[in-house]
């Protein structure tokens, strides 16, 4: 299951990149939506790093208990 989570966490980065590109594309058309997409991109990137840190912490704890 941990291997599955390792791959799925990169889905967050893919979504963040999509939001970043969408924000850049919409920059001249609609600034409000562009800010929303750019903010979502930043938030999703932070979620990625938080989940990665938490997963590594749990893996380290599980390896110490074995």
N, C-alpha and C. Protein backbone atom coordinates (compact mmCIF):
# COMPACT_ATOMS: atom_id res chain seq x y z
N UNK A 1 0.82 -1.20 0.00
CA UNK A 1 0.00 0.00 0.00
C UNK A 1 0.86 1.26 0.00
N UNK A 2 2.01 1.19 0.69
CA UNK A 2 2.88 2.37 0.73
C UNK A 2 3.42 2.72 -0.65
N UNK A 3 3.68 1.71 -1.47
CA UNK A 3 4.17 1.99 -2.82
C UNK A 3 3.10 2.71 -3.64
N UNK A 4 1.86 2.35 -3.42
CA UNK A 4 0.76 3.02 -4.12
C UNK A 4 0.70 4.49 -3.71
N UNK A 5 0.84 4.78 -2.42
CA UNK A 5 0.79 6.16 -1.94
C UNK A 5 1.97 6.97 -2.46
N UNK A 6 3.14 6.31 -2.63
CA UNK A 6 4.29 7.02 -3.18
C UNK A 6 4.00 7.53 -4.58
N UNK A 7 3.32 6.72 -5.38
CA UNK A 7 2.99 7.14 -6.74
C UNK A 7 1.83 8.14 -6.77
N UNK A 8 0.85 7.94 -5.92
CA UNK A 8 -0.31 8.83 -5.91
C UNK A 8 0.03 10.23 -5.43
N UNK A 9 1.04 10.35 -4.59
CA UNK A 9 1.38 11.69 -4.09
C UNK A 9 1.87 12.58 -5.22
N UNK A 10 2.42 12.00 -6.27
CA UNK A 10 2.87 12.81 -7.40
C UNK A 10 1.69 13.32 -8.22
N UNK A 11 0.51 12.77 -8.02
CA UNK A 11 -0.70 13.31 -8.63
C UNK A 11 -0.96 14.73 -8.16
N UNK A 12 -0.61 15.02 -6.90
CA UNK A 12 -0.75 16.38 -6.39
C UNK A 12 0.10 17.35 -7.21
N UNK A 13 1.32 16.93 -7.53
CA UNK A 13 2.19 17.82 -8.31
C UNK A 13 1.66 18.01 -9.72
N UNK A 14 1.10 16.97 -10.30
CA UNK A 14 0.52 17.08 -11.65
C UNK A 14 -0.63 18.07 -11.63
N UNK A 15 -1.50 17.96 -10.63
CA UNK A 15 -2.63 18.88 -10.52
C UNK A 15 -2.14 20.30 -10.27
N UNK A 16 -1.08 20.46 -9.47
CA UNK A 16 -0.53 21.79 -9.20
C UNK A 16 0.02 22.41 -10.48
N UNK A 17 0.68 21.62 -11.30
CA UNK A 17 1.21 22.14 -12.56
C UNK A 17 0.08 22.54 -13.50
N UNK A 18 -0.97 21.74 -13.54
CA UNK A 18 -2.12 22.07 -14.38
C UNK A 18 -2.75 23.38 -13.93
N UNK A 19 -2.91 23.55 -12.62
CA UNK A 19 -3.47 24.81 -12.10
C UNK A 19 -2.55 25.99 -12.39
N UNK A 20 -1.25 25.77 -12.29
CA UNK A 20 -0.30 26.84 -12.58
C UNK A 20 -0.40 27.27 -14.04
N UNK A 21 -0.44 26.30 -14.95
CA UNK A 21 -0.54 26.62 -16.38
C UNK A 21 -1.87 27.32 -16.66
N UNK A 22 -2.93 26.82 -16.06
CA UNK A 22 -4.25 27.45 -16.27
C UNK A 22 -4.26 28.88 -15.75
N UNK A 23 -3.61 29.12 -14.62
CA UNK A 23 -3.54 30.48 -14.09
C UNK A 23 -2.76 31.41 -15.00
N UNK A 24 -1.68 30.90 -15.57
CA UNK A 24 -0.88 31.72 -16.49
C UNK A 24 -1.66 32.01 -17.76
N UNK A 25 -2.37 31.02 -18.27
CA UNK A 25 -3.15 31.21 -19.50
C UNK A 25 -4.26 32.23 -19.29
N UNK A 26 -4.89 32.19 -18.12
CA UNK A 26 -6.02 33.08 -17.85
C UNK A 26 -5.60 34.46 -17.34
N UNK A 27 -4.31 34.70 -17.18
CA UNK A 27 -3.83 35.94 -16.56
C UNK A 27 -4.37 37.19 -17.25
N UNK A 28 -4.33 37.23 -18.57
CA UNK A 28 -4.78 38.43 -19.29
C UNK A 28 -6.29 38.48 -19.48
N UNK A 29 -6.96 37.34 -19.43
CA UNK A 29 -8.40 37.30 -19.67
C UNK A 29 -9.21 37.63 -18.41
N UNK A 30 -8.91 36.91 -17.34
CA UNK A 30 -9.70 37.03 -16.11
C UNK A 30 -8.77 36.90 -14.91
N UNK A 31 -8.39 38.01 -14.34
CA UNK A 31 -7.42 37.99 -13.25
C UNK A 31 -7.93 37.27 -12.01
N UNK A 32 -9.22 37.37 -11.71
CA UNK A 32 -9.75 36.73 -10.51
C UNK A 32 -9.60 35.22 -10.58
N UNK A 33 -9.95 34.65 -11.71
CA UNK A 33 -9.79 33.20 -11.88
C UNK A 33 -8.31 32.81 -11.91
N UNK A 34 -7.50 33.68 -12.49
CA UNK A 34 -6.06 33.41 -12.52
C UNK A 34 -5.51 33.34 -11.10
N UNK A 35 -5.90 34.28 -10.25
CA UNK A 35 -5.46 34.25 -8.86
C UNK A 35 -5.95 32.99 -8.15
N UNK A 36 -7.16 32.59 -8.46
CA UNK A 36 -7.70 31.36 -7.86
C UNK A 36 -6.88 30.15 -8.26
N UNK A 37 -6.56 30.03 -9.53
CA UNK A 37 -5.76 28.89 -9.99
C UNK A 37 -4.34 28.94 -9.43
N UNK A 38 -3.75 30.11 -9.38
CA UNK A 38 -2.40 30.22 -8.83
C UNK A 38 -2.38 29.91 -7.34
N UNK A 39 -3.40 30.37 -6.62
CA UNK A 39 -3.51 30.04 -5.20
C UNK A 39 -3.71 28.55 -4.97
N UNK A 40 -4.54 27.96 -5.81
CA UNK A 40 -4.77 26.51 -5.70
C UNK A 40 -3.47 25.75 -5.98
N UNK A 41 -2.70 26.23 -6.93
CA UNK A 41 -1.44 25.59 -7.25
C UNK A 41 -0.48 25.63 -6.06
N UNK A 42 -0.40 26.77 -5.40
CA UNK A 42 0.46 26.89 -4.22
C UNK A 42 -0.04 25.99 -3.10
N UNK A 43 -1.35 26.00 -2.87
CA UNK A 43 -1.93 25.18 -1.80
C UNK A 43 -1.70 23.69 -2.05
N UNK A 44 -1.91 23.24 -3.27
CA UNK A 44 -1.74 21.83 -3.59
C UNK A 44 -0.28 21.42 -3.46
N UNK A 45 0.64 22.32 -3.81
CA UNK A 45 2.06 22.02 -3.65
C UNK A 45 2.41 21.87 -2.17
N UNK A 46 1.84 22.73 -1.33
CA UNK A 46 2.07 22.61 0.11
C UNK A 46 1.50 21.31 0.66
N UNK A 47 0.34 20.90 0.16
CA UNK A 47 -0.26 19.63 0.58
C UNK A 47 0.65 18.47 0.20
N UNK A 48 1.23 18.53 -1.00
CA UNK A 48 2.16 17.49 -1.44
C UNK A 48 3.32 17.34 -0.46
N UNK A 49 3.96 18.47 -0.11
CA UNK A 49 5.10 18.40 0.79
C UNK A 49 4.70 17.96 2.19
N UNK A 50 3.54 18.38 2.66
CA UNK A 50 3.07 17.95 3.97
C UNK A 50 2.82 16.45 3.98
N UNK A 51 2.13 15.94 2.98
CA UNK A 51 1.83 14.51 2.94
C UNK A 51 3.10 13.67 2.79
N UNK A 52 4.06 14.17 2.00
CA UNK A 52 5.31 13.44 1.82
C UNK A 52 6.08 13.38 3.14
N UNK A 53 6.12 14.51 3.84
CA UNK A 53 6.80 14.55 5.14
C UNK A 53 6.13 13.60 6.13
N UNK A 54 4.81 13.61 6.17
CA UNK A 54 4.08 12.76 7.10
C UNK A 54 4.26 11.29 6.76
N UNK A 55 4.24 10.94 5.45
CA UNK A 55 4.43 9.55 5.04
C UNK A 55 5.81 9.04 5.41
N UNK A 56 6.84 9.87 5.21
CA UNK A 56 8.20 9.48 5.57
C UNK A 56 8.34 9.30 7.07
N UNK A 57 7.67 10.15 7.82
CA UNK A 57 7.70 10.05 9.28
C UNK A 57 7.07 8.73 9.74
N UNK A 58 5.95 8.37 9.14
CA UNK A 58 5.28 7.11 9.49
C UNK A 58 6.13 5.92 9.07
N UNK A 59 6.74 5.98 7.89
CA UNK A 59 7.59 4.88 7.43
C UNK A 59 8.79 4.70 8.36
N UNK A 60 9.37 5.80 8.79
CA UNK A 60 10.51 5.73 9.71
C UNK A 60 10.10 5.10 11.03
N UNK A 61 8.94 5.49 11.54
CA UNK A 61 8.45 4.91 12.80
C UNK A 61 8.16 3.43 12.64
N UNK A 62 7.56 3.04 11.50
CA UNK A 62 7.25 1.63 11.28
C UNK A 62 8.52 0.79 11.13
N UNK A 63 9.55 1.34 10.51
CA UNK A 63 10.81 0.60 10.35
C UNK A 63 11.54 0.43 11.67
N UNK A 64 11.38 1.37 12.60
CA UNK A 64 12.01 1.26 13.90
C UNK A 64 11.33 0.21 14.77
N UNK A 65 10.04 0.00 14.55
CA UNK A 65 9.28 -0.96 15.36
C UNK A 65 9.48 -2.40 14.90
N UNK A 66 10.05 -2.60 13.73
CA UNK A 66 10.22 -3.98 13.22
C UNK A 66 11.40 -4.65 13.82
